[in-house]
Amino acid sequence: MKMLDYFLSNEDRPMIHKPLRYFPIYEKHFERFRHKKVKILEIGIENGGSLLMWKNYFGAGAEVVGVDINPLCKEFEQEKIRIYTGDQSNASFLNNLLEAEKTFDIIIDDGGHHSYQQIASFRF
């Protein structure tokens, strides 16, 4: 299933909040990872819907790790989806995350909407 089809058919799952223009870009760069062993980090998970989308899109070999500042997001954990609560601009938090998870194949920063947060996680 194409990622956009999954997004558009999202009636009975948690909400996915992504602009439509993102999907062709995601597909272009992520297609080569489908149905392979892949580890994804998504910073900013809000309603949890995109975590399920990544798990579905990449397939059985996918491990999805989510980060959000809201501790209530921990409820989105399930098999092959792990959640960490913290601030993406906090180097100590990011160090602890990397100690626990080691490496990622894909990192998606859809978290803090202030430039200082994006810059801090990018530099890290």
PDB file of N, CA and C in Angstrom:
ATOM      1  N   MET A   1       0.841  -1.180   0.000  1.00  0.00           N
ATOM      2  CA  MET A   1       0.000   0.000   0.000  1.00  0.00           C
ATOM      3  C   MET A   1       0.887   1.246   0.000  1.00  0.00           C
ATOM      4  N   LYS A   2       0.541   2.191  -0.812  1.00  0.00           N
ATOM      5  CA  LYS A   2       1.251   3.466  -0.832  1.00  0.00           C
ATOM      6  C   LYS A   2       0.986   4.211   0.471  1.00  0.00           C
ATOM      7  N   MET A   3       1.973   4.966   0.897  1.00  0.00           N
ATOM      8  CA  MET A   3       1.857   5.714   2.142  1.00  0.00           C
ATOM      9  C   MET A   3       0.667   6.685   2.099  1.00  0.00           C
ATOM     10  N   LEU A   4       0.473   7.370   0.989  1.00  0.00           N
ATOM     11  CA  LEU A   4      -0.629   8.322   0.873  1.00  0.00           C
ATOM     12  C   LEU A   4      -1.975   7.613   0.982  1.00  0.00           C
ATOM     13  N   ASP A   5      -2.095   6.419   0.397  1.00  0.00           N
ATOM     14  CA  ASP A   5      -3.341   5.649   0.502  1.00  0.00           C
ATOM     15  C   ASP A   5      -3.640   5.313   1.960  1.00  0.00           C
ATOM     16  N   TYR A   6      -2.612   4.919   2.697  1.00  0.00           N
ATOM     17  CA  TYR A   6      -2.774   4.617   4.121  1.00  0.00           C
ATOM     18  C   TYR A   6      -3.260   5.870   4.851  1.00  0.00           C
ATOM     19  N   PHE A   7      -2.627   6.995   4.574  1.00  0.00           N
ATOM     20  CA  PHE A   7      -2.994   8.266   5.202  1.00  0.00           C
ATOM     21  C   PHE A   7      -4.451   8.626   4.897  1.00  0.00           C
ATOM     22  N   LEU A   8      -4.848   8.528   3.647  1.00  0.00           N
ATOM     23  CA  LEU A   8      -6.196   8.921   3.246  1.00  0.00           C
ATOM     24  C   LEU A   8      -7.265   7.966   3.756  1.00  0.00           C
ATOM     25  N   SER A   9      -6.892   6.721   4.040  1.00  0.00           N
ATOM     26  CA  SER A   9      -7.866   5.746   4.540  1.00  0.00           C
ATOM     27  C   SER A   9      -7.859   5.685   6.071  1.00  0.00           C
ATOM     28  N   ASN A  10      -7.260   6.649   6.698  1.00  0.00           N
ATOM     29  CA  ASN A  10      -7.069   6.652   8.151  1.00  0.00           C
ATOM     30  C   ASN A  10      -8.356   7.055   8.871  1.00  0.00           C
ATOM     31  N   GLU A  11      -9.329   6.154   8.898  1.00  0.00           N
ATOM     32  CA  GLU A  11     -10.611   6.464   9.521  1.00  0.00           C
ATOM     33  C   GLU A  11     -10.734   5.919  10.938  1.00  0.00           C
ATOM     34  N   ASP A  12     -10.188   4.750  11.186  1.00  0.00           N
ATOM     35  CA  ASP A  12     -10.376   4.118  12.483  1.00  0.00           C
ATOM     36  C   ASP A  12      -9.070   3.977  13.261  1.00  0.00           C
ATOM     37  N   ARG A  13      -8.062   4.744  12.877  1.00  0.00           N
ATOM     38  CA  ARG A  13      -6.767   4.715  13.560  1.00  0.00           C
ATOM     39  C   ARG A  13      -6.472   6.096  14.131  1.00  0.00           C
ATOM     40  N   PRO A  14      -5.462   6.196  14.985  1.00  0.00           N
ATOM     41  CA  PRO A  14      -5.092   7.534  15.497  1.00  0.00           C
ATOM     42  C   PRO A  14      -4.750   8.486  14.357  1.00  0.00           C
ATOM     43  N   MET A  15      -5.036   9.739  14.571  1.00  0.00           N
ATOM     44  CA  MET A  15      -4.859  10.761  13.549  1.00  0.00           C
ATOM     45  C   MET A  15      -3.393  10.915  13.147  1.00  0.00           C
ATOM     46  N   ILE A  16      -3.186  11.130  11.858  1.00  0.00           N
ATOM     47  CA  ILE A  16      -1.868  11.442  11.302  1.00  0.00           C
ATOM     48  C   ILE A  16      -1.939  12.883  10.831  1.00  0.00           C
ATOM     49  N   HIS A  17      -1.039  13.702  11.313  1.00  0.00           N
ATOM     50  CA  HIS A  17      -1.047  15.118  10.973  1.00  0.00           C
ATOM     51  C   HIS A  17       0.175  15.420  10.119  1.00  0.00           C
ATOM     52  N   LYS A  18       0.025  15.289   8.794  1.00  0.00           N
ATOM     53  CA  LYS A  18       1.113  15.545   7.844  1.00  0.00           C
ATOM     54  C   LYS A  18       0.531  16.283   6.643  1.00  0.00           C
ATOM     55  N   PRO A  19       1.217  17.286   6.126  1.00  0.00           N
ATOM     56  CA  PRO A  19       0.767  17.917   4.872  1.00  0.00           C
ATOM     57  C   PRO A  19       0.855  16.925   3.710  1.00  0.00           C
ATOM     58  N   LEU A  20      -0.084  16.975   2.800  1.00  0.00           N
ATOM     59  CA  LEU A  20      -0.104  16.048   1.664  1.00  0.00           C
ATOM     60  C   LEU A  20       1.167  16.137   0.825  1.00  0.00           C
ATOM     61  N   ARG A  21       1.768  17.306   0.755  1.00  0.00           N
ATOM     62  CA  ARG A  21       2.966  17.471  -0.078  1.00  0.00           C
ATOM     63  C   ARG A  21       4.165  16.676   0.447  1.00  0.00           C
ATOM     64  N   TYR A  22       4.111  16.198   1.696  1.00  0.00           N
ATOM     65  CA  TYR A  22       5.213  15.406   2.254  1.00  0.00           C
ATOM     66  C   TYR A  22       5.286  14.002   1.655  1.00  0.00           C
ATOM     67  N   PHE A  23       4.141  13.439   1.284  1.00  0.00           N
ATOM     68  CA  PHE A  23       4.102  12.016   0.933  1.00  0.00           C
ATOM     69  C   PHE A  23       4.920  11.644  -0.292  1.00  0.00           C
ATOM     70  N   PRO A  24       4.888  12.405  -1.388  1.00  0.00           N
ATOM     71  CA  PRO A  24       5.772  12.047  -2.509  1.00  0.00           C
ATOM     72  C   PRO A  24       7.253  12.112  -2.130  1.00  0.00           C
ATOM     73  N   ILE A  25       7.610  13.031  -1.262  1.00  0.00           N
ATOM     74  CA  ILE A  25       9.005  13.158  -0.820  1.00  0.00           C
ATOM     75  C   ILE A  25       9.383  11.957   0.047  1.00  0.00           C
ATOM     76  N   TYR A  26       8.512  11.616   1.005  1.00  0.00           N
ATOM     77  CA  TYR A  26       8.762  10.435   1.836  1.00  0.00           C
ATOM     78  C   TYR A  26       8.945   9.200   0.957  1.00  0.00           C
ATOM     79  N   GLU A  27       8.003   8.975   0.037  1.00  0.00           N
ATOM     80  CA  GLU A  27       8.057   7.769  -0.808  1.00  0.00           C
ATOM     81  C   GLU A  27       9.345   7.743  -1.630  1.00  0.00           C
ATOM     82  N   LYS A  28       9.732   8.874  -2.186  1.00  0.00           N
ATOM     83  CA  LYS A  28      10.932   8.948  -3.017  1.00  0.00           C
ATOM     84  C   LYS A  28      12.169   8.496  -2.242  1.00  0.00           C
ATOM     85  N   HIS A  29      12.293   8.963  -1.005  1.00  0.00           N
ATOM     86  CA  HIS A  29      13.505   8.683  -0.228  1.00  0.00           C
ATOM     87  C   HIS A  29      13.427   7.403   0.599  1.00  0.00           C
ATOM     88  N   PHE A  30      12.223   6.947   0.923  1.00  0.00           N
ATOM     89  CA  PHE A  30      12.082   5.811   1.832  1.00  0.00           C
ATOM     90  C   PHE A  30      11.768   4.494   1.136  1.00  0.00           C
ATOM     91  N   GLU A  31      11.381   4.524  -0.113  1.00  0.00           N
ATOM     92  CA  GLU A  31      11.001   3.306  -0.830  1.00  0.00           C
ATOM     93  C   GLU A  31      12.061   2.211  -0.718  1.00  0.00           C
ATOM     94  N   ARG A  32      13.316   2.587  -0.796  1.00  0.00           N
ATOM     95  CA  ARG A  32      14.404   1.591  -0.779  1.00  0.00           C
ATOM     96  C   ARG A  32      14.527   0.855   0.555  1.00  0.00           C
ATOM     97  N   PHE A  33      13.889   1.360   1.604  1.00  0.00           N
ATOM     98  CA  PHE A  33      13.937   0.731   2.928  1.00  0.00           C
ATOM     99  C   PHE A  33      12.758  -0.208   3.180  1.00  0.00           C
ATOM    100  N   ARG A  34      11.777  -0.212   2.287  1.00  0.00           N
ATOM    101  CA  ARG A  34      10.576  -1.025   2.514  1.00  0.00           C
ATOM    102  C   ARG A  34      10.911  -2.510   2.534  1.00  0.00           C
ATOM    103  N   HIS A  35      10.257  -3.196   3.437  1.00  0.00           N
ATOM    104  CA  HIS A  35      10.370  -4.650   3.563  1.00  0.00           C
ATOM    105  C   HIS A  35      11.801  -5.104   3.834  1.00  0.00           C
ATOM    106  N   LYS A  36      12.547  -4.259   4.515  1.00  0.00           N
ATOM    107  CA  LYS A  36      13.898  -4.582   4.962  1.00  0.00           C
ATOM    108  C   LYS A  36      13.972  -4.294   6.458  1.00  0.00           C
ATOM    109  N   LYS A  37      15.045  -4.728   7.062  1.00  0.00           N
ATOM    110  CA  LYS A  37      15.277  -4.390   8.458  1.00  0.00           C
ATOM    111  C   LYS A  37      15.669  -2.912   8.499  1.00  0.00           C
ATOM    112  N   VAL A  38      14.853  -2.112   9.177  1.00  0.00           N
ATOM    113  CA  VAL A  38      15.076  -0.670   9.219  1.00  0.00           C
ATOM    114  C   VAL A  38      14.650  -0.137  10.585  1.00  0.00           C
ATOM    115  N   LYS A  39      15.396   0.838  11.067  1.00  0.00           N
ATOM    116  CA  LYS A  39      15.090   1.446  12.366  1.00  0.00           C
ATOM    117  C   LYS A  39      14.867   2.939  12.153  1.00  0.00           C
ATOM    118  N   ILE A  40      13.665   3.387  12.511  1.00  0.00           N
ATOM    119  CA  ILE A  40      13.241   4.757  12.267  1.00  0.00           C
ATOM    120  C   ILE A  40      13.082   5.486  13.591  1.00  0.00           C
ATOM    121  N   LEU A  41      13.553   6.722  13.632  1.00  0.00           N
ATOM    122  CA  LEU A  41      13.305   7.619  14.757  1.00  0.00           C
ATOM    123  C   LEU A  41      12.432   8.743  14.249  1.00  0.00           C
ATOM    124  N   GLU A  42      11.281   8.937  14.896  1.00  0.00           N
ATOM    125  CA  GLU A  42      10.434  10.090  14.588  1.00  0.00           C
ATOM    126  C   GLU A  42      10.380  10.977  15.829  1.00  0.00           C
ATOM    127  N   ILE A  43      10.861  12.197  15.664  1.00  0.00           N
ATOM    128  CA  ILE A  43      10.814  13.194  16.743  1.00  0.00           C
ATOM    129  C   ILE A  43       9.533  13.983  16.549  1.00  0.00           C
ATOM    130  N   GLY A  44       8.657  13.919  17.543  1.00  0.00           N
ATOM    131  CA  GLY A  44       7.359  14.574  17.474  1.00  0.00           C
ATOM    132  C   GLY A  44       6.314  13.595  16.974  1.00  0.00           C
ATOM    133  N   ILE A  45       5.503  13.053  17.892  1.00  0.00           N
ATOM    134  CA  ILE A  45       4.554  12.007  17.482  1.00  0.00           C
ATOM    135  C   ILE A  45       3.106  12.364  17.762  1.00  0.00           C
ATOM    136  N   GLU A  46       2.863  13.446  18.450  1.00  0.00           N
ATOM    137  CA  GLU A  46       1.535  13.990  18.704  1.00  0.00           C
ATOM    138  C   GLU A  46       0.462  12.933  18.959  1.00  0.00           C
ATOM    139  N   ASN A  47      -0.300  12.547  17.940  1.00  0.00           N
ATOM    140  CA  ASN A  47      -1.427  11.617  18.109  1.00  0.00           C
ATOM    141  C   ASN A  47      -1.063  10.152  17.903  1.00  0.00           C
ATOM    142  N   GLY A  48       0.161   9.872  17.514  1.00  0.00           N
ATOM    143  CA  GLY A  48       0.617   8.495  17.361  1.00  0.00           C
ATOM    144  C   GLY A  48       0.319   7.834  16.036  1.00  0.00           C
ATOM    145  N   GLY A  49      -0.479   8.472  15.199  1.00  0.00           N
ATOM    146  CA  GLY A  49      -0.871   7.849  13.940  1.00  0.00           C
ATOM    147  C   GLY A  49       0.274   7.608  12.979  1.00  0.00           C
ATOM    148  N   SER A  50       1.238   8.508  12.955  1.00  0.00           N
ATOM    149  CA  SER A  50       2.345   8.326  12.017  1.00  0.00           C
ATOM    150  C   SER A  50       3.230   7.143  12.415  1.00  0.00           C
ATOM    151  N   LEU A  51       3.306   6.832  13.702  1.00  0.00           N
ATOM    152  CA  LEU A  51       4.071   5.659  14.136  1.00  0.00           C
ATOM    153  C   LEU A  51       3.515   4.389  13.499  1.00  0.00           C
ATOM    154  N   LEU A  52       2.196   4.278  13.502  1.00  0.00           N
ATOM    155  CA  LEU A  52       1.544   3.123  12.874  1.00  0.00           C
ATOM    156  C   LEU A  52       1.723   3.147  11.363  1.00  0.00           C
ATOM    157  N   MET A  53       1.707   4.338  10.778  1.00  0.00           N
ATOM    158  CA  MET A  53       1.915   4.454   9.343  1.00  0.00           C
ATOM    159  C   MET A  53       3.306   3.960   8.961  1.00  0.00           C
ATOM    160  N   TRP A  54       4.329   4.382   9.727  1.00  0.00           N
ATOM    161  CA  TRP A  54       5.699   3.923   9.430  1.00  0.00           C
ATOM    162  C   TRP A  54       5.803   2.412   9.577  1.00  0.00           C
ATOM    163  N   LYS A  55       5.243   1.892  10.649  1.00  0.00           N
ATOM    164  CA  LYS A  55       5.294   0.442  10.880  1.00  0.00           C
ATOM    165  C   LYS A  55       4.633  -0.303   9.722  1.00  0.00           C
ATOM    166  N   ASN A  56       3.515   0.180   9.267  1.00  0.00           N
ATOM    167  CA  ASN A  56       2.801  -0.442   8.157  1.00  0.00           C
ATOM    168  C   ASN A  56       3.569  -0.274   6.848  1.00  0.00           C
ATOM    169  N   TYR A  57       4.054   0.910   6.577  1.00  0.00           N
ATOM    170  CA  TYR A  57       4.726   1.207   5.315  1.00  0.00           C
ATOM    171  C   TYR A  57       6.020   0.403   5.157  1.00  0.00           C
ATOM    172  N   PHE A  58       6.834   0.366   6.201  1.00  0.00           N
ATOM    173  CA  PHE A  58       8.127  -0.312   6.080  1.00  0.00           C
ATOM    174  C   PHE A  58       8.022  -1.820   6.216  1.00  0.00           C
ATOM    175  N   GLY A  59       7.017  -2.318   6.906  1.00  0.00           N
ATOM    176  CA  GLY A  59       6.799  -3.754   6.970  1.00  0.00           C
ATOM    177  C   GLY A  59       7.368  -4.422   8.212  1.00  0.00           C
ATOM    178  N   ALA A  60       7.375  -5.739   8.171  1.00  0.00           N
ATOM    179  CA  ALA A  60       7.689  -6.556   9.339  1.00  0.00           C
ATOM    180  C   ALA A  60       9.080  -6.327   9.919  1.00  0.00           C
ATOM    181  N   GLY A  61      10.021  -5.871   9.122  1.00  0.00           N
ATOM    182  CA  GLY A  61      11.382  -5.651   9.612  1.00  0.00           C
ATOM    183  C   GLY A  61      11.597  -4.300  10.266  1.00  0.00           C
ATOM    184  N   ALA A  62      10.560  -3.500  10.349  1.00  0.00           N
ATOM    185  CA  ALA A  62      10.703  -2.138  10.871  1.00  0.00           C
ATOM    186  C   ALA A  62      10.628  -2.088  12.394  1.00  0.00           C
ATOM    187  N   GLU A  63      11.520  -1.285  12.961  1.00  0.00           N
ATOM    188  CA  GLU A  63      11.439  -0.879  14.365  1.00  0.00           C
ATOM    189  C   GLU A  63      11.222   0.627  14.338  1.00  0.00           C
ATOM    190  N   VAL A  64      10.217   1.086  15.048  1.00  0.00           N
ATOM    191  CA  VAL A  64       9.888   2.506  15.056  1.00  0.00           C
ATOM    192  C   VAL A  64      10.084   3.039  16.472  1.00  0.00           C
ATOM    193  N   VAL A  65      10.843   4.120  16.574  1.00  0.00           N
ATOM    194  CA  VAL A  65      11.097   4.774  17.858  1.00  0.00           C
ATOM    195  C   VAL A  65      10.548   6.183  17.757  1.00  0.00           C
ATOM    196  N   GLY A  66       9.730   6.545  18.716  1.00  0.00           N
ATOM    197  CA  GLY A  66       9.147   7.882  18.734  1.00  0.00           C
ATOM    198  C   GLY A  66       9.623   8.668  19.931  1.00  0.00           C
ATOM    199  N   VAL A  67       9.753   9.977  19.744  1.00  0.00           N
ATOM    200  CA  VAL A  67      10.122  10.906  20.814  1.00  0.00           C
ATOM    201  C   VAL A  67       9.088  12.014  20.854  1.00  0.00           C
ATOM    202  N   ASP A  68       8.630  12.328  22.046  1.00  0.00           N
ATOM    203  CA  ASP A  68       7.729  13.466  22.213  1.00  0.00           C
ATOM    204  C   ASP A  68       7.917  14.031  23.613  1.00  0.00           C
ATOM    205  N   ILE A  69       7.657  15.302  23.738  1.00  0.00           N
ATOM    206  CA  ILE A  69       7.786  15.969  25.034  1.00  0.00           C
ATOM    207  C   ILE A  69       6.594  15.646  25.947  1.00  0.00           C
ATOM    208  N   ASN A  70       5.502  15.188  25.357  1.00  0.00           N
ATOM    209  CA  ASN A  70       4.284  14.882  26.098  1.00  0.00           C
ATOM    210  C   ASN A  70       4.339  13.449  26.637  1.00  0.00           C
ATOM    211  N   PRO A  71       4.345  13.271  27.955  1.00  0.00           N
ATOM    212  CA  PRO A  71       4.424  11.911  28.522  1.00  0.00           C
ATOM    213  C   PRO A  71       3.222  11.031  28.181  1.00  0.00           C
ATOM    214  N   LEU A  72       2.104  11.624  27.813  1.00  0.00           N
ATOM    215  CA  LEU A  72       0.928  10.828  27.450  1.00  0.00           C
ATOM    216  C   LEU A  72       1.150  10.026  26.164  1.00  0.00           C
ATOM    217  N   CYS A  73       2.133  10.407  25.370  1.00  0.00           N
ATOM    218  CA  CYS A  73       2.423   9.687  24.127  1.00  0.00           C
ATOM    219  C   CYS A  73       2.945   8.276  24.382  1.00  0.00           C
ATOM    220  N   LYS A  74       3.365   8.000  25.599  1.00  0.00           N
ATOM    221  CA  LYS A  74       3.853   6.657  25.948  1.00  0.00           C
ATOM    222  C   LYS A  74       2.779   5.600  25.662  1.00  0.00           C
ATOM    223  N   GLU A  75       1.517   6.000  25.659  1.00  0.00           N
ATOM    224  CA  GLU A  75       0.420   5.059  25.412  1.00  0.00           C
ATOM    225  C   GLU A  75       0.448   4.472  23.997  1.00  0.00           C
ATOM    226  N   PHE A  76       1.213   5.064  23.095  1.00  0.00           N
ATOM    227  CA  PHE A  76       1.281   4.569  21.719  1.00  0.00           C
ATOM    228  C   PHE A  76       2.268   3.423  21.543  1.00  0.00           C
ATOM    229  N   GLU A  77       2.961   3.043  22.612  1.00  0.00           N
ATOM    230  CA  GLU A  77       3.893   1.909  22.513  1.00  0.00           C
ATOM    231  C   GLU A  77       3.130   0.629  22.210  1.00  0.00           C
ATOM    232  N   GLN A  78       3.758  -0.192  21.404  1.00  0.00           N
ATOM    233  CA  GLN A  78       3.252  -1.526  21.095  1.00  0.00           C
ATOM    234  C   GLN A  78       4.412  -2.318  20.504  1.00  0.00           C
ATOM    235  N   GLU A  79       4.122  -3.510  20.058  1.00  0.00           N
ATOM    236  CA  GLU A  79       5.195  -4.331  19.481  1.00  0.00           C
ATOM    237  C   GLU A  79       5.866  -3.570  18.338  1.00  0.00           C
ATOM    238  N   LYS A  80       7.186  -3.454  18.416  1.00  0.00           N
ATOM    239  CA  LYS A  80       8.034  -2.790  17.429  1.00  0.00           C
ATOM    240  C   LYS A  80       7.863  -1.274  17.370  1.00  0.00           C
ATOM    241  N   ILE A  81       7.208  -0.711  18.379  1.00  0.00           N
ATOM    242  CA  ILE A  81       7.125   0.750  18.515  1.00  0.00           C
ATOM    243  C   ILE A  81       7.484   1.101  19.956  1.00  0.00           C
ATOM    244  N   ARG A  82       8.589   1.852  20.121  1.00  0.00           N
ATOM    245  CA  ARG A  82       9.023   2.300  21.441  1.00  0.00           C
ATOM    246  C   ARG A  82       8.925   3.824  21.508  1.00  0.00           C
ATOM    247  N   ILE A  83       8.569   4.314  22.689  1.00  0.00           N
ATOM    248  CA  ILE A  83       8.380   5.752  22.886  1.00  0.00           C
ATOM    249  C   ILE A  83       9.298   6.248  23.994  1.00  0.00           C
ATOM    250  N   TYR A  84       9.936   7.388  23.749  1.00  0.00           N
ATOM    251  CA  TYR A  84      10.750   8.074  24.748  1.00  0.00           C
ATOM    252  C   TYR A  84      10.170   9.467  24.959  1.00  0.00           C
ATOM    253  N   THR A  85      10.110   9.873  26.211  1.00  0.00           N
ATOM    254  CA  THR A  85       9.592  11.188  26.561  1.00  0.00           C
ATOM    255  C   THR A  85      10.748  12.120  26.873  1.00  0.00           C
ATOM    256  N   GLY A  86      10.825  13.218  26.132  1.00  0.00           N
ATOM    257  CA  GLY A  86      11.879  14.190  26.377  1.00  0.00           C
ATOM    258  C   GLY A  86      11.861  15.305  25.364  1.00  0.00           C
ATOM    259  N   ASP A  87      12.740  16.258  25.580  1.00  0.00           N
ATOM    260  CA  ASP A  87      12.846  17.455  24.755  1.00  0.00           C
ATOM    261  C   ASP A  87      13.980  17.278  23.752  1.00  0.00           C
ATOM    262  N   GLN A  88      13.683  17.424  22.483  1.00  0.00           N
ATOM    263  CA  GLN A  88      14.684  17.210  21.435  1.00  0.00           C
ATOM    264  C   GLN A  88      15.833  18.203  21.501  1.00  0.00           C
ATOM    265  N   SER A  89      15.693  19.303  22.222  1.00  0.00           N
ATOM    266  CA  SER A  89      16.784  20.271  22.331  1.00  0.00           C
ATOM    267  C   SER A  89      17.665  20.006  23.552  1.00  0.00           C
ATOM    268  N   ASN A  90      17.379  18.934  24.280  1.00  0.00           N
ATOM    269  CA  ASN A  90      18.127  18.577  25.479  1.00  0.00           C
ATOM    270  C   ASN A  90      19.181  17.518  25.125  1.00  0.00           C
ATOM    271  N   ALA A  91      20.441  17.924  25.104  1.00  0.00           N
ATOM    272  CA  ALA A  91      21.531  17.020  24.702  1.00  0.00           C
ATOM    273  C   ALA A  91      21.634  15.805  25.613  1.00  0.00           C
ATOM    274  N   SER A  92      21.378  15.977  26.897  1.00  0.00           N
ATOM    275  CA  SER A  92      21.441  14.853  27.832  1.00  0.00           C
ATOM    276  C   SER A  92      20.370  13.808  27.486  1.00  0.00           C
ATOM    277  N   PHE A  93      19.168  14.274  27.180  1.00  0.00           N
ATOM    278  CA  PHE A  93      18.096  13.368  26.772  1.00  0.00           C
ATOM    279  C   PHE A  93      18.490  12.620  25.499  1.00  0.00           C
ATOM    280  N   LEU A  94      19.015  13.331  24.508  1.00  0.00           N
ATOM    281  CA  LEU A  94      19.406  12.698  23.250  1.00  0.00           C
ATOM    282  C   LEU A  94      20.546  11.702  23.456  1.00  0.00           C
ATOM    283  N   ASN A  95      21.480  12.029  24.344  1.00  0.00           N
ATOM    284  CA  ASN A  95      22.557  11.081  24.669  1.00  0.00           C
ATOM    285  C   ASN A  95      21.992   9.793  25.241  1.00  0.00           C
ATOM    286  N   ASN A  96      21.049   9.919  26.164  1.00  0.00           N
ATOM    287  CA  ASN A  96      20.425   8.733  26.774  1.00  0.00           C
ATOM    288  C   ASN A  96      19.662   7.913  25.730  1.00  0.00           C
ATOM    289  N   LEU A  97      18.988   8.595  24.819  1.00  0.00           N
ATOM    290  CA  LEU A  97      18.264   7.912  23.752  1.00  0.00           C
ATOM    291  C   LEU A  97      19.229   7.105  22.888  1.00  0.00           C
ATOM    292  N   LEU A  98      20.339   7.726  22.505  1.00  0.00           N
ATOM    293  CA  LEU A  98      21.313   7.020  21.662  1.00  0.00           C
ATOM    294  C   LEU A  98      22.024   5.902  22.403  1.00  0.00           C
ATOM    295  N   GLU A  99      22.234   6.051  23.690  1.00  0.00           N
ATOM    296  CA  GLU A  99      22.806   4.947  24.467  1.00  0.00           C
ATOM    297  C   GLU A  99      21.883   3.745  24.452  1.00  0.00           C
ATOM    298  N   ALA A 100      20.581   4.005  24.545  1.00  0.00           N
ATOM    299  CA  ALA A 100      19.603   2.917  24.567  1.00  0.00           C
ATOM    300  C   ALA A 100      19.377   2.310  23.182  1.00  0.00           C
ATOM    301  N   GLU A 101      19.323   3.135  22.156  1.00  0.00           N
ATOM    302  CA  GLU A 101      18.924   2.668  20.825  1.00  0.00           C
ATOM    303  C   GLU A 101      20.084   2.471  19.843  1.00  0.00           C
ATOM    304  N   LYS A 102      21.226   3.047  20.132  1.00  0.00           N
ATOM    305  CA  LYS A 102      22.454   2.923  19.327  1.00  0.00           C
ATOM    306  C   LYS A 102      22.399   3.686  18.006  1.00  0.00           C
ATOM    307  N   THR A 103      21.701   3.170  16.984  1.00  0.00           N
ATOM    308  CA  THR A 103      21.720   3.794  15.656  1.00  0.00           C
ATOM    309  C   THR A 103      20.320   3.817  15.042  1.00  0.00           C
ATOM    310  N   PHE A 104      20.178   4.657  14.023  1.00  0.00           N
ATOM    311  CA  PHE A 104      18.939   4.739  13.257  1.00  0.00           C
ATOM    312  C   PHE A 104      19.285   4.803  11.775  1.00  0.00           C
ATOM    313  N   ASP A 105      18.418   4.232  10.957  1.00  0.00           N
ATOM    314  CA  ASP A 105      18.565   4.325   9.510  1.00  0.00           C
ATOM    315  C   ASP A 105      17.898   5.588   8.969  1.00  0.00           C
ATOM    316  N   ILE A 106      16.812   5.980   9.607  1.00  0.00           N
ATOM    317  CA  ILE A 106      16.046   7.153   9.188  1.00  0.00           C
ATOM    318  C   ILE A 106      15.693   7.959  10.428  1.00  0.00           C
ATOM    319  N   ILE A 107      15.878   9.277  10.348  1.00  0.00           N
ATOM    320  CA  ILE A 107      15.451  10.183  11.420  1.00  0.00           C
ATOM    321  C   ILE A 107      14.537  11.225  10.793  1.00  0.00           C
ATOM    322  N   ILE A 108      13.337  11.334  11.343  1.00  0.00           N
ATOM    323  CA  ILE A 108      12.346  12.304  10.877  1.00  0.00           C
ATOM    324  C   ILE A 108      12.108  13.278  12.023  1.00  0.00           C
ATOM    325  N   ASP A 109      12.408  14.543  11.795  1.00  0.00           N
ATOM    326  CA  ASP A 109      12.191  15.561  12.823  1.00  0.00           C
ATOM    327  C   ASP A 109      10.910  16.312  12.509  1.00  0.00           C
ATOM    328  N   ASP A 110       9.860  15.941  13.209  1.00  0.00           N
ATOM    329  CA  ASP A 110       8.565  16.605  13.081  1.00  0.00           C
ATOM    330  C   ASP A 110       8.126  17.049  14.472  1.00  0.00           C
ATOM    331  N   GLY A 111       9.119  17.403  15.284  1.00  0.00           N
ATOM    332  CA  GLY A 111       8.866  17.714  16.684  1.00  0.00           C
ATOM    333  C   GLY A 111       8.672  19.185  16.934  1.00  0.00           C
ATOM    334  N   GLY A 112       9.591  19.740  17.702  1.00  0.00           N
ATOM    335  CA  GLY A 112       9.477  21.137  18.084  1.00  0.00           C
ATOM    336  C   GLY A 112       9.353  22.044  16.879  1.00  0.00           C
ATOM    337  N   HIS A 113       8.523  23.021  17.002  1.00  0.00           N
ATOM    338  CA  HIS A 113       8.265  23.909  15.875  1.00  0.00           C
ATOM    339  C   HIS A 113       8.967  25.255  16.045  1.00  0.00           C
ATOM    340  N   HIS A 114       9.961  25.267  16.918  1.00  0.00           N
ATOM    341  CA  HIS A 114      10.802  26.445  17.089  1.00  0.00           C
ATOM    342  C   HIS A 114      12.172  26.116  16.517  1.00  0.00           C
ATOM    343  N   SER A 115      12.760  27.076  15.850  1.00  0.00           N
ATOM    344  CA  SER A 115      14.029  26.810  15.167  1.00  0.00           C
ATOM    345  C   SER A 115      15.119  26.345  16.126  1.00  0.00           C
ATOM    346  N   TYR A 116      15.152  26.867  17.365  1.00  0.00           N
ATOM    347  CA  TYR A 116      16.205  26.442  18.293  1.00  0.00           C
ATOM    348  C   TYR A 116      16.117  24.946  18.582  1.00  0.00           C
ATOM    349  N   GLN A 117      14.912  24.384  18.593  1.00  0.00           N
ATOM    350  CA  GLN A 117      14.753  22.952  18.840  1.00  0.00           C
ATOM    351  C   GLN A 117      15.252  22.132  17.650  1.00  0.00           C
ATOM    352  N   GLN A 118      14.885  22.549  16.470  1.00  0.00           N
ATOM    353  CA  GLN A 118      15.321  21.854  15.259  1.00  0.00           C
ATOM    354  C   GLN A 118      16.829  21.938  15.086  1.00  0.00           C
ATOM    355  N   ILE A 119      17.375  23.111  15.337  1.00  0.00           N
ATOM    356  CA  ILE A 119      18.825  23.296  15.206  1.00  0.00           C
ATOM    357  C   ILE A 119      19.566  22.424  16.222  1.00  0.00           C
ATOM    358  N   ALA A 120      19.069  22.390  17.458  1.00  0.00           N
ATOM    359  CA  ALA A 120      19.746  21.601  18.499  1.00  0.00           C
ATOM    360  C   ALA A 120      19.763  20.118  18.151  1.00  0.00           C
ATOM    361  N   SER A 121      18.640  19.570  17.721  1.00  0.00           N
ATOM    362  CA  SER A 121      18.624  18.138  17.390  1.00  0.00           C
ATOM    363  C   SER A 121      19.417  17.871  16.117  1.00  0.00           C
ATOM    364  N   PHE A 122      19.391  18.767  15.150  1.00  0.00           N
ATOM    365  CA  PHE A 122      20.174  18.581  13.927  1.00  0.00           C
ATOM    366  C   PHE A 122      21.666  18.581  14.236  1.00  0.00           C
ATOM    367  N   ARG A 123      22.113  19.521  15.040  1.00  0.00           N
ATOM    368  CA  ARG A 123      23.524  19.578  15.396  1.00  0.00           C
ATOM    369  C   ARG A 123      23.950  18.350  16.175  1.00  0.00           C
ATOM    370  N   PHE A 124      23.069  17.872  17.052  1.00  0.00           N
ATOM    371  CA  PHE A 124      23.397  16.697  17.849  1.00  0.00           C
ATOM    372  C   PHE A 124      23.624  15.491  16.956  1.00  0.00           C
TER     373      PHE A 124
END
